[in-house]
PDB file of N, CA and C in Angstrom:
ATOM      1  N   UNK A   1       0.477  -1.280  -0.114  1.00  0.00           N
ATOM      2  CA  UNK A   1      -0.018   0.095   0.018  1.00  0.00           C
ATOM      3  C   UNK A   1       0.853   1.280   0.101  1.00  0.00           C
ATOM      4  N   UNK A   2       0.283   2.275  -0.778  1.00  0.00           N
ATOM      5  CA  UNK A   2       1.038   3.408  -0.461  1.00  0.00           C
ATOM      6  C   UNK A   2       0.325   4.626   0.429  1.00  0.00           C
ATOM      7  N   UNK A   3       1.309   4.823   1.114  1.00  0.00           N
ATOM      8  CA  UNK A   3       0.594   5.915   2.365  1.00  0.00           C
ATOM      9  C   UNK A   3       0.126   6.972   1.362  1.00  0.00           C
ATOM     10  N   UNK A   4      -1.123   7.607   1.751  1.00  0.00           N
ATOM     11  CA  UNK A   4      -1.890   8.803   1.241  1.00  0.00           C
ATOM     12  C   UNK A   4      -0.723  10.203   1.394  1.00  0.00           C
ATOM     13  N   UNK A   5      -0.372  10.462   2.446  1.00  0.00           N
ATOM     14  CA  UNK A   5       0.671  11.299   1.968  1.00  0.00           C
ATOM     15  C   UNK A   5       2.015  11.543   1.381  1.00  0.00           C
ATOM     16  N   UNK A   6       1.909  10.039   0.534  1.00  0.00           N
ATOM     17  CA  UNK A   6       3.082  10.306  -0.670  1.00  0.00           C
ATOM     18  C   UNK A   6       2.636  10.472  -2.108  1.00  0.00           C
ATOM     19  N   UNK A   7       1.097  10.339  -1.880  1.00  0.00           N
ATOM     20  CA  UNK A   7       0.248  10.808  -3.366  1.00  0.00           C
ATOM     21  C   UNK A   7       0.898  11.990  -3.442  1.00  0.00           C
ATOM     22  N   UNK A   8       1.264  12.381  -4.744  1.00  0.00           N
ATOM     23  CA  UNK A   8       2.144  13.464  -5.400  1.00  0.00           C
ATOM     24  C   UNK A   8       1.099  14.624  -5.527  1.00  0.00           C
ATOM     25  N   UNK A   9      -0.339  14.435  -5.897  1.00  0.00           N
ATOM     26  CA  UNK A   9      -1.010  15.773  -6.594  1.00  0.00           C
ATOM     27  C   UNK A   9      -1.656  16.094  -5.025  1.00  0.00           C
ATOM     28  N   UNK A  10      -1.114  17.229  -4.676  1.00  0.00           N
ATOM     29  CA  UNK A  10      -1.746  17.570  -3.249  1.00  0.00           C
ATOM     30  C   UNK A  10      -3.224  17.912  -3.106  1.00  0.00           C
ATOM     31  N   UNK A  11      -4.471  18.212  -4.181  1.00  0.00           N
ATOM     32  CA  UNK A  11      -5.722  17.952  -3.848  1.00  0.00           C
ATOM     33  C   UNK A  11      -6.216  16.797  -3.750  1.00  0.00           C
ATOM     34  N   UNK A  12      -5.513  15.873  -4.499  1.00  0.00           N
ATOM     35  CA  UNK A  12      -6.064  14.408  -4.821  1.00  0.00           C
ATOM     36  C   UNK A  12      -5.785  13.722  -2.923  1.00  0.00           C
ATOM     37  N   UNK A  13      -4.363  14.535  -3.064  1.00  0.00           N
ATOM     38  CA  UNK A  13      -3.869  13.688  -1.098  1.00  0.00           C
ATOM     39  C   UNK A  13      -4.772  14.175  -0.211  1.00  0.00           C
ATOM     40  N   UNK A  14      -5.595  15.399  -0.727  1.00  0.00           N
ATOM     41  CA  UNK A  14      -6.202  15.729   0.825  1.00  0.00           C
ATOM     42  C   UNK A  14      -7.712  15.514   0.831  1.00  0.00           C
ATOM     43  N   UNK A  15      -8.155  14.931  -0.704  1.00  0.00           N
ATOM     44  CA  UNK A  15      -9.364  14.589  -1.013  1.00  0.00           C
ATOM     45  C   UNK A  15      -9.279  12.604  -0.182  1.00  0.00           C
ATOM     46  N   UNK A  16      -8.593  12.013  -0.394  1.00  0.00           N
ATOM     47  CA  UNK A  16      -8.404  10.939   0.038  1.00  0.00           C
ATOM     48  C   UNK A  16      -8.025  10.959   1.731  1.00  0.00           C
ATOM     49  N   UNK A  17      -7.538  12.142   2.178  1.00  0.00           N
ATOM     50  CA  UNK A  17      -7.125  11.939   3.659  1.00  0.00           C
ATOM     51  C   UNK A  17      -8.690  12.349   4.642  1.00  0.00           C
ATOM     52  N   UNK A  18      -9.424  13.153   3.498  1.00  0.00           N
ATOM     53  CA  UNK A  18     -10.563  13.603   4.296  1.00  0.00           C
ATOM     54  C   UNK A  18     -11.797  12.326   4.257  1.00  0.00           C
ATOM     55  N   UNK A  19     -11.509  11.519   3.019  1.00  0.00           N
ATOM     56  CA  UNK A  19     -12.354  10.386   2.875  1.00  0.00           C
ATOM     57  C   UNK A  19     -11.798   9.424   4.408  1.00  0.00           C
ATOM     58  N   UNK A  20     -10.834   9.069   4.454  1.00  0.00           N
ATOM     59  CA  UNK A  20     -10.293   8.404   5.921  1.00  0.00           C
ATOM     60  C   UNK A  20     -10.743   8.924   6.980  1.00  0.00           C
ATOM     61  N   UNK A  21     -10.299  10.160   6.888  1.00  0.00           N
ATOM     62  CA  UNK A  21     -11.035  10.992   8.237  1.00  0.00           C
ATOM     63  C   UNK A  21     -12.268  11.335   8.295  1.00  0.00           C
ATOM     64  N   UNK A  22     -13.449  10.895   7.580  1.00  0.00           N
ATOM     65  CA  UNK A  22     -15.025  11.055   7.813  1.00  0.00           C
ATOM     66  C   UNK A  22     -15.139  12.604   7.916  1.00  0.00           C
ATOM     67  N   UNK A  23     -14.039  13.251   7.159  1.00  0.00           N
ATOM     68  CA  UNK A  23     -14.246  14.612   7.346  1.00  0.00           C
ATOM     69  C   UNK A  23     -14.779  15.358   5.944  1.00  0.00           C
ATOM     70  N   UNK A  24     -16.315  15.300   5.881  1.00  0.00           N
ATOM     71  CA  UNK A  24     -17.139  15.824   4.567  1.00  0.00           C
ATOM     72  C   UNK A  24     -16.695  17.032   4.588  1.00  0.00           C
ATOM     73  N   UNK A  25     -16.657  18.116   4.875  1.00  0.00           N
ATOM     74  CA  UNK A  25     -16.564  19.445   4.924  1.00  0.00           C
ATOM     75  C   UNK A  25     -15.035  19.698   4.058  1.00  0.00           C
ATOM     76  N   UNK A  26     -14.015  18.842   4.747  1.00  0.00           N
ATOM     77  CA  UNK A  26     -12.677  18.706   4.175  1.00  0.00           C
ATOM     78  C   UNK A  26     -12.465  18.107   2.664  1.00  0.00           C
ATOM     79  N   UNK A  27     -13.325  17.200   2.345  1.00  0.00           N
ATOM     80  CA  UNK A  27     -13.592  16.474   1.427  1.00  0.00           C
ATOM     81  C   UNK A  27     -14.298  17.749   0.231  1.00  0.00           C
ATOM     82  N   UNK A  28     -15.585  18.185   0.683  1.00  0.00           N
ATOM     83  CA  UNK A  28     -16.008  18.914  -0.490  1.00  0.00           C
ATOM     84  C   UNK A  28     -15.260  20.492  -0.265  1.00  0.00           C
ATOM     85  N   UNK A  29     -14.066  20.969   0.180  1.00  0.00           N
ATOM     86  CA  UNK A  29     -13.194  21.922   0.087  1.00  0.00           C
ATOM     87  C   UNK A  29     -12.196  21.672  -0.794  1.00  0.00           C
ATOM     88  N   UNK A  30     -12.241  20.343  -1.492  1.00  0.00           N
ATOM     89  CA  UNK A  30     -11.271  20.209  -2.441  1.00  0.00           C
ATOM     90  C   UNK A  30     -12.063  19.876  -3.475  1.00  0.00           C
ATOM     91  N   UNK A  31     -13.068  20.221  -3.933  1.00  0.00           N
ATOM     92  CA  UNK A  31     -13.865  19.659  -4.994  1.00  0.00           C
ATOM     93  C   UNK A  31     -14.292  21.598  -5.671  1.00  0.00           C
ATOM     94  N   UNK A  32     -14.343  21.735  -7.300  1.00  0.00           N
ATOM     95  CA  UNK A  32     -14.299  22.857  -7.505  1.00  0.00           C
ATOM     96  C   UNK A  32     -16.288  22.984  -7.464  1.00  0.00           C
ATOM     97  N   UNK A  33     -16.990  24.351  -7.330  1.00  0.00           N
ATOM     98  CA  UNK A  33     -18.404  24.105  -7.311  1.00  0.00           C
ATOM     99  C   UNK A  33     -19.085  23.451  -8.255  1.00  0.00           C
ATOM    100  N   UNK A  34     -18.785  23.246  -9.491  1.00  0.00           N
ATOM    101  CA  UNK A  34     -19.470  22.469 -10.710  1.00  0.00           C
ATOM    102  C   UNK A  34     -18.880  21.264 -10.848  1.00  0.00           C
ATOM    103  N   UNK A  35     -18.324  20.163  -9.708  1.00  0.00           N
ATOM    104  CA  UNK A  35     -17.410  19.093  -9.831  1.00  0.00           C
ATOM    105  C   UNK A  35     -18.700  17.735 -10.020  1.00  0.00           C
ATOM    106  N   UNK A  36     -18.160  16.949 -11.020  1.00  0.00           N
ATOM    107  CA  UNK A  36     -19.224  16.261 -11.576  1.00  0.00           C
ATOM    108  C   UNK A  36     -18.285  14.644 -10.565  1.00  0.00           C
ATOM    109  N   UNK A  37     -19.471  13.727 -10.824  1.00  0.00           N
ATOM    110  CA  UNK A  37     -18.889  12.247 -10.556  1.00  0.00           C
ATOM    111  C   UNK A  37     -19.598  11.310 -11.498  1.00  0.00           C
ATOM    112  N   UNK A  38     -18.427  10.390 -12.003  1.00  0.00           N
ATOM    113  CA  UNK A  38     -19.020   8.899 -12.588  1.00  0.00           C
ATOM    114  C   UNK A  38     -18.554   7.803 -11.674  1.00  0.00           C
ATOM    115  N   UNK A  39     -19.690   6.890 -11.729  1.00  0.00           N
ATOM    116  CA  UNK A  39     -19.200   5.520 -10.807  1.00  0.00           C
ATOM    117  C   UNK A  39     -19.855   4.848 -11.985  1.00  0.00           C
ATOM    118  N   UNK A  40     -18.798   3.662 -12.176  1.00  0.00           N
ATOM    119  CA  UNK A  40     -18.605   2.418 -13.174  1.00  0.00           C
ATOM    120  C   UNK A  40     -19.410   3.237 -13.908  1.00  0.00           C
ATOM    121  N   UNK A  41     -19.095   4.427 -14.745  1.00  0.00           N
ATOM    122  CA  UNK A  41     -19.596   5.013 -16.418  1.00  0.00           C
ATOM    123  C   UNK A  41     -20.623   5.515 -16.065  1.00  0.00           C
ATOM    124  N   UNK A  42     -21.391   5.900 -14.908  1.00  0.00           N
ATOM    125  CA  UNK A  42     -22.788   6.235 -15.410  1.00  0.00           C
ATOM    126  C   UNK A  42     -22.568   7.397 -14.277  1.00  0.00           C
ATOM    127  N   UNK A  43     -23.108   8.824 -14.734  1.00  0.00           N
ATOM    128  CA  UNK A  43     -23.154   9.741 -13.755  1.00  0.00           C
ATOM    129  C   UNK A  43     -23.708   9.665 -12.940  1.00  0.00           C
ATOM    130  N   UNK A  44     -23.389  10.608 -11.552  1.00  0.00           N
ATOM    131  CA  UNK A  44     -24.022  10.428 -10.424  1.00  0.00           C
ATOM    132  C   UNK A  44     -24.263  11.980  -9.638  1.00  0.00           C
ATOM    133  N   UNK A  45     -25.188  12.052  -9.008  1.00  0.00           N
ATOM    134  CA  UNK A  45     -25.425  13.317  -8.067  1.00  0.00           C
ATOM    135  C   UNK A  45     -24.407  13.257  -7.189  1.00  0.00           C
ATOM    136  N   UNK A  46     -23.455  14.000  -7.095  1.00  0.00           N
ATOM    137  CA  UNK A  46     -22.224  14.094  -6.514  1.00  0.00           C
ATOM    138  C   UNK A  46     -22.930  14.035  -4.944  1.00  0.00           C
ATOM    139  N   UNK A  47     -23.301  15.163  -4.133  1.00  0.00           N
ATOM    140  CA  UNK A  47     -23.507  14.772  -3.071  1.00  0.00           C
ATOM    141  C   UNK A  47     -24.339  14.018  -2.533  1.00  0.00           C
ATOM    142  N   UNK A  48     -25.006  13.319  -2.750  1.00  0.00           N
ATOM    143  CA  UNK A  48     -25.901  12.214  -1.929  1.00  0.00           C
ATOM    144  C   UNK A  48     -25.109  11.039  -2.385  1.00  0.00           C
ATOM    145  N   UNK A  49     -24.356  11.037  -3.508  1.00  0.00           N
ATOM    146  CA  UNK A  49     -23.152   9.710  -3.673  1.00  0.00           C
ATOM    147  C   UNK A  49     -22.363   9.742  -2.590  1.00  0.00           C
ATOM    148  N   UNK A  50     -21.806  11.215  -2.028  1.00  0.00           N
ATOM    149  CA  UNK A  50     -20.438  11.033  -1.312  1.00  0.00           C
ATOM    150  C   UNK A  50     -21.043  10.545  -0.057  1.00  0.00           C
ATOM    151  N   UNK A  51     -22.507  11.113   0.125  1.00  0.00           N
ATOM    152  CA  UNK A  51     -22.817  10.960   1.951  1.00  0.00           C
ATOM    153  C   UNK A  51     -22.778   9.184   1.689  1.00  0.00           C
ATOM    154  N   UNK A  52     -23.832   8.705   0.736  1.00  0.00           N
ATOM    155  CA  UNK A  52     -24.019   7.217   0.441  1.00  0.00           C
ATOM    156  C   UNK A  52     -23.290   6.687   0.717  1.00  0.00           C
ATOM    157  N   UNK A  53     -22.323   6.391  -0.430  1.00  0.00           N
ATOM    158  CA  UNK A  53     -20.780   5.570  -0.308  1.00  0.00           C
ATOM    159  C   UNK A  53     -19.668   5.391   0.391  1.00  0.00           C
ATOM    160  N   UNK A  54     -19.926   6.802   1.002  1.00  0.00           N
ATOM    161  CA  UNK A  54     -18.405   7.468   2.030  1.00  0.00           C
ATOM    162  C   UNK A  54     -18.785   7.861   2.981  1.00  0.00           C
ATOM    163  N   UNK A  55     -19.191   8.602   3.626  1.00  0.00           N
ATOM    164  CA  UNK A  55     -19.625   9.628   4.857  1.00  0.00           C
ATOM    165  C   UNK A  55     -20.783   8.710   5.542  1.00  0.00           C
ATOM    166  N   UNK A  56     -21.778   8.177   5.102  1.00  0.00           N
ATOM    167  CA  UNK A  56     -22.540   7.435   6.128  1.00  0.00           C
ATOM    168  C   UNK A  56     -22.395   6.319   6.073  1.00  0.00           C
ATOM    169  N   UNK A  57     -21.521   5.989   5.449  1.00  0.00           N
ATOM    170  CA  UNK A  57     -21.014   4.300   5.342  1.00  0.00           C
ATOM    171  C   UNK A  57     -19.925   4.280   5.778  1.00  0.00           C
ATOM    172  N   UNK A  58     -18.960   4.862   6.429  1.00  0.00           N
ATOM    173  CA  UNK A  58     -17.599   4.715   6.661  1.00  0.00           C
ATOM    174  C   UNK A  58     -16.768   4.090   5.914  1.00  0.00           C
ATOM    175  N   UNK A  59     -16.813   5.133   4.854  1.00  0.00           N
ATOM    176  CA  UNK A  59     -15.932   4.837   3.309  1.00  0.00           C
ATOM    177  C   UNK A  59     -14.206   4.987   4.311  1.00  0.00           C
ATOM    178  N   UNK A  60     -13.440   4.028   3.585  1.00  0.00           N
ATOM    179  CA  UNK A  60     -12.392   3.956   3.558  1.00  0.00           C
ATOM    180  C   UNK A  60     -11.583   3.568   2.553  1.00  0.00           C
ATOM    181  N   UNK A  61     -10.099   4.219   2.419  1.00  0.00           N
ATOM    182  CA  UNK A  61      -9.581   4.343   1.018  1.00  0.00           C
ATOM    183  C   UNK A  61      -8.098   3.750   1.563  1.00  0.00           C
ATOM    184  N   UNK A  62      -7.344   2.766   0.396  1.00  0.00           N
ATOM    185  CA  UNK A  62      -6.020   2.322   0.667  1.00  0.00           C
ATOM    186  C   UNK A  62      -5.780   2.155  -0.539  1.00  0.00           C
ATOM    187  N   UNK A  63      -4.280   3.148  -1.133  1.00  0.00           N
ATOM    188  CA  UNK A  63      -3.717   3.264  -2.540  1.00  0.00           C
ATOM    189  C   UNK A  63      -3.052   2.226  -2.352  1.00  0.00           C
ATOM    190  N   UNK A  64      -3.653   1.587  -3.859  1.00  0.00           N
ATOM    191  CA  UNK A  64      -2.480   0.324  -4.458  1.00  0.00           C
ATOM    192  C   UNK A  64      -1.370   0.764  -5.159  1.00  0.00           C
ATOM    193  N   UNK A  65      -1.991   1.836  -6.305  1.00  0.00           N
ATOM    194  CA  UNK A  65      -1.000   2.092  -7.459  1.00  0.00           C
ATOM    195  C   UNK A  65      -1.085   3.555  -7.838  1.00  0.00           C
ATOM    196  N   UNK A  66      -0.637   4.034  -8.138  1.00  0.00           N
ATOM    197  CA  UNK A  66      -0.642   5.394  -8.680  1.00  0.00           C
ATOM    198  C   UNK A  66      -0.088   5.592 -10.185  1.00  0.00           C
ATOM    199  N   UNK A  67      -1.080   6.800 -10.818  1.00  0.00           N
ATOM    200  CA  UNK A  67      -0.193   6.958 -12.150  1.00  0.00           C
ATOM    201  C   UNK A  67      -0.770   8.657 -12.977  1.00  0.00           C
ATOM    202  N   UNK A  68      -0.354   8.831 -13.795  1.00  0.00           N
ATOM    203  CA  UNK A  68      -0.423  10.307 -13.832  1.00  0.00           C
ATOM    204  C   UNK A  68      -0.516  11.754 -12.759  1.00  0.00           C
ATOM    205  N   UNK A  69       0.834  11.235 -12.456  1.00  0.00           N
ATOM    206  CA  UNK A  69       1.391  12.132 -11.207  1.00  0.00           C
ATOM    207  C   UNK A  69       0.100  12.050  -9.669  1.00  0.00           C
ATOM    208  N   UNK A  70      -0.413  10.985  -9.420  1.00  0.00           N
ATOM    209  CA  UNK A  70      -1.197  11.019  -8.573  1.00  0.00           C
ATOM    210  C   UNK A  70      -2.765  11.291  -8.730  1.00  0.00           C
ATOM    211  N   UNK A  71      -3.038  11.281 -10.042  1.00  0.00           N
ATOM    212  CA  UNK A  71      -4.420  11.494 -10.357  1.00  0.00           C
ATOM    213  C   UNK A  71      -5.212  10.333 -10.765  1.00  0.00           C
ATOM    214  N   UNK A  72      -4.620   9.323 -10.942  1.00  0.00           N
ATOM    215  CA  UNK A  72      -5.508   8.150 -11.313  1.00  0.00           C
ATOM    216  C   UNK A  72      -4.748   6.856 -10.423  1.00  0.00           C
ATOM    217  N   UNK A  73      -5.476   6.350  -9.944  1.00  0.00           N
ATOM    218  CA  UNK A  73      -5.133   5.400  -8.881  1.00  0.00           C
ATOM    219  C   UNK A  73      -5.719   4.054  -8.503  1.00  0.00           C
ATOM    220  N   UNK A  74      -5.417   2.722  -8.316  1.00  0.00           N
ATOM    221  CA  UNK A  74      -6.216   2.058  -8.147  1.00  0.00           C
ATOM    222  C   UNK A  74      -6.449   1.832  -6.287  1.00  0.00           C
ATOM    223  N   UNK A  75      -6.966   1.092  -5.775  1.00  0.00           N
ATOM    224  CA  UNK A  75      -7.250   1.175  -4.368  1.00  0.00           C
ATOM    225  C   UNK A  75      -8.429   0.165  -4.021  1.00  0.00           C
ATOM    226  N   UNK A  76      -7.817  -0.112  -2.758  1.00  0.00           N
ATOM    227  CA  UNK A  76      -8.775  -0.837  -1.839  1.00  0.00           C
ATOM    228  C   UNK A  76      -9.714  -0.071  -1.246  1.00  0.00           C
ATOM    229  N   UNK A  77     -10.977  -0.175  -1.345  1.00  0.00           N
ATOM    230  CA  UNK A  77     -12.045   0.822  -0.716  1.00  0.00           C
ATOM    231  C   UNK A  77     -12.998  -0.258  -0.188  1.00  0.00           C
ATOM    232  N   UNK A  78     -13.387   0.399   1.136  1.00  0.00           N
ATOM    233  CA  UNK A  78     -14.527  -0.337   1.647  1.00  0.00           C
ATOM    234  C   UNK A  78     -15.261   0.275   2.293  1.00  0.00           C
ATOM    235  N   UNK A  79     -16.209   0.055   2.344  1.00  0.00           N
ATOM    236  CA  UNK A  79     -17.365   0.633   3.545  1.00  0.00           C
ATOM    237  C   UNK A  79     -18.597  -0.514   4.065  1.00  0.00           C
ATOM    238  N   UNK A  80     -19.228   0.262   5.023  1.00  0.00           N
ATOM    239  CA  UNK A  80     -20.225  -0.172   5.642  1.00  0.00           C
ATOM    240  C   UNK A  80     -21.090  -1.374   4.474  1.00  0.00           C
ATOM    241  N   UNK A  81     -21.540  -0.605   3.626  1.00  0.00           N
ATOM    242  CA  UNK A  81     -22.866  -0.938   2.920  1.00  0.00           C
ATOM    243  C   UNK A  81     -22.127  -2.237   2.070  1.00  0.00           C
ATOM    244  N   UNK A  82     -20.716  -2.158   1.080  1.00  0.00           N
ATOM    245  CA  UNK A  82     -20.478  -2.581  -0.019  1.00  0.00           C
ATOM    246  C   UNK A  82     -19.252  -3.819   0.622  1.00  0.00           C
ATOM    247  N   UNK A  83     -18.396  -3.708   1.718  1.00  0.00           N
ATOM    248  CA  UNK A  83     -17.559  -4.308   1.955  1.00  0.00           C
ATOM    249  C   UNK A  83     -16.338  -3.954   1.601  1.00  0.00           C
ATOM    250  N   UNK A  84     -15.248  -4.676   1.186  1.00  0.00           N
ATOM    251  CA  UNK A  84     -14.227  -4.371   0.341  1.00  0.00           C
ATOM    252  C   UNK A  84     -14.264  -4.625  -0.941  1.00  0.00           C
ATOM    253  N   UNK A  85     -14.062  -3.794  -1.856  1.00  0.00           N
ATOM    254  CA  UNK A  85     -13.663  -4.517  -2.900  1.00  0.00           C
ATOM    255  C   UNK A  85     -12.123  -3.128  -3.640  1.00  0.00           C
ATOM    256  N   UNK A  86     -11.713  -3.806  -4.802  1.00  0.00           N
ATOM    257  CA  UNK A  86     -10.572  -2.930  -5.418  1.00  0.00           C
ATOM    258  C   UNK A  86     -11.650  -1.920  -6.766  1.00  0.00           C
ATOM    259  N   UNK A  87     -10.721  -0.550  -6.421  1.00  0.00           N
ATOM    260  CA  UNK A  87     -11.394   0.124  -7.436  1.00  0.00           C
ATOM    261  C   UNK A  87     -10.625   1.235  -7.968  1.00  0.00           C
ATOM    262  N   UNK A  88     -10.942   1.746  -9.147  1.00  0.00           N
ATOM    263  CA  UNK A  88     -10.314   2.891  -9.618  1.00  0.00           C
ATOM    264  C   UNK A  88     -10.751   4.180  -9.798  1.00  0.00           C
ATOM    265  N   UNK A  89      -9.865   5.093  -9.870  1.00  0.00           N
ATOM    266  CA  UNK A  89     -10.404   6.321  -9.265  1.00  0.00           C
ATOM    267  C   UNK A  89      -9.431   7.643 -10.022  1.00  0.00           C
ATOM    268  N   UNK A  90     -10.346   7.982 -10.800  1.00  0.00           N
ATOM    269  CA  UNK A  90      -9.280   9.344 -11.446  1.00  0.00           C
ATOM    270  C   UNK A  90      -9.944  10.534 -11.479  1.00  0.00           C
ATOM    271  N   UNK A  91      -9.046  11.662 -11.220  1.00  0.00           N
ATOM    272  CA  UNK A  91      -9.510  12.805 -10.703  1.00  0.00           C
ATOM    273  C   UNK A  91      -8.996  13.649 -12.029  1.00  0.00           C
ATOM    274  N   UNK A  92      -9.373  14.931 -12.259  1.00  0.00           N
ATOM    275  CA  UNK A  92      -9.448  15.773 -12.975  1.00  0.00           C
ATOM    276  C   UNK A  92      -9.268  17.157 -12.534  1.00  0.00           C
ATOM    277  N   UNK A  93      -8.132  17.426 -12.582  1.00  0.00           N
ATOM    278  CA  UNK A  93      -7.610  18.567 -11.363  1.00  0.00           C
ATOM    279  C   UNK A  93      -7.654  20.158 -12.067  1.00  0.00           C
ATOM    280  N   UNK A  94      -8.015  20.914 -11.910  1.00  0.00           N
ATOM    281  CA  UNK A  94      -7.531  22.205 -12.219  1.00  0.00           C
ATOM    282  C   UNK A  94      -8.163  23.802 -11.541  1.00  0.00           C
ATOM    283  N   UNK A  95      -6.841  24.060 -11.217  1.00  0.00           N
ATOM    284  CA  UNK A  95      -6.672  25.410 -10.226  1.00  0.00           C
ATOM    285  C   UNK A  95      -7.312  24.919  -8.996  1.00  0.00           C
ATOM    286  N   UNK A  96      -6.186  24.083  -8.156  1.00  0.00           N
ATOM    287  CA  UNK A  96      -6.049  23.200  -7.338  1.00  0.00           C
ATOM    288  C   UNK A  96      -7.718  22.703  -6.622  1.00  0.00           C
ATOM    289  N   UNK A  97      -8.628  22.260  -7.433  1.00  0.00           N
ATOM    290  CA  UNK A  97      -9.463  21.832  -7.359  1.00  0.00           C
ATOM    291  C   UNK A  97     -10.104  20.818  -8.057  1.00  0.00           C
ATOM    292  N   UNK A  98     -10.388  19.902  -7.837  1.00  0.00           N
ATOM    293  CA  UNK A  98     -11.224  18.374  -8.244  1.00  0.00           C
ATOM    294  C   UNK A  98     -12.531  19.107  -9.166  1.00  0.00           C
ATOM    295  N   UNK A  99     -12.788  18.589 -10.526  1.00  0.00           N
ATOM    296  CA  UNK A  99     -13.322  19.100 -11.502  1.00  0.00           C
ATOM    297  C   UNK A  99     -14.466  17.946 -11.863  1.00  0.00           C
ATOM    298  N   UNK A 100     -13.662  16.840 -11.985  1.00  0.00           N
ATOM    299  CA  UNK A 100     -14.420  15.343 -12.038  1.00  0.00           C
ATOM    300  C   UNK A 100     -13.897  14.317 -11.621  1.00  0.00           C
ATOM    301  N   UNK A 101     -14.714  13.510 -10.845  1.00  0.00           N
ATOM    302  CA  UNK A 101     -14.264  12.371 -10.200  1.00  0.00           C
ATOM    303  C   UNK A 101     -14.504  11.119 -11.230  1.00  0.00           C
ATOM    304  N   UNK A 102     -13.889  10.039 -11.588  1.00  0.00           N
ATOM    305  CA  UNK A 102     -14.412   8.528 -11.959  1.00  0.00           C
ATOM    306  C   UNK A 102     -14.122   7.806 -11.182  1.00  0.00           C
ATOM    307  N   UNK A 103     -14.966   6.982 -10.873  1.00  0.00           N
ATOM    308  CA  UNK A 103     -14.382   6.044  -9.647  1.00  0.00           C
ATOM    309  C   UNK A 103     -15.478   4.443 -10.475  1.00  0.00           C
ATOM    310  N   UNK A 104     -14.815   3.375  -9.837  1.00  0.00           N
ATOM    311  CA  UNK A 104     -15.209   2.243 -10.107  1.00  0.00           C
ATOM    312  C   UNK A 104     -14.285   0.662  -9.855  1.00  0.00           C
ATOM    313  N   UNK A 105     -15.295  -0.391  -9.802  1.00  0.00           N
ATOM    314  CA  UNK A 105     -14.511  -1.242  -9.346  1.00  0.00           C
ATOM    315  C   UNK A 105     -13.441  -1.899 -10.580  1.00  0.00           C
ATOM    316  N   UNK A 106     -12.584  -2.635  -9.784  1.00  0.00           N
ATOM    317  CA  UNK A 106     -11.279  -2.673 -11.109  1.00  0.00           C
ATOM    318  C   UNK A 106     -11.163  -3.709 -11.136  1.00  0.00           C
TER     319      UNK A 106
END
């Protein structure tokens, strides 16, 4: 596993840290106001999704591998709803904010 504090992109690093800390406000602070989300190839409403899949479900992420300067990763993700699964995450970052997140099962 790769420690989150070794993720090269500071915005992605902060977002991943917020997931593991259960800190919704810190997570939201990393997002552009018009940020979008895709889960398994389908666009989702961002805030209901993060509440359901991360913050109300005890979400936790462990980085397994990194690409694209830390903006693409493979991770072991677990939550109280689905258990643990291998996932991929891609982040589009502009001006220090995440504009798009794409996640899905690996």
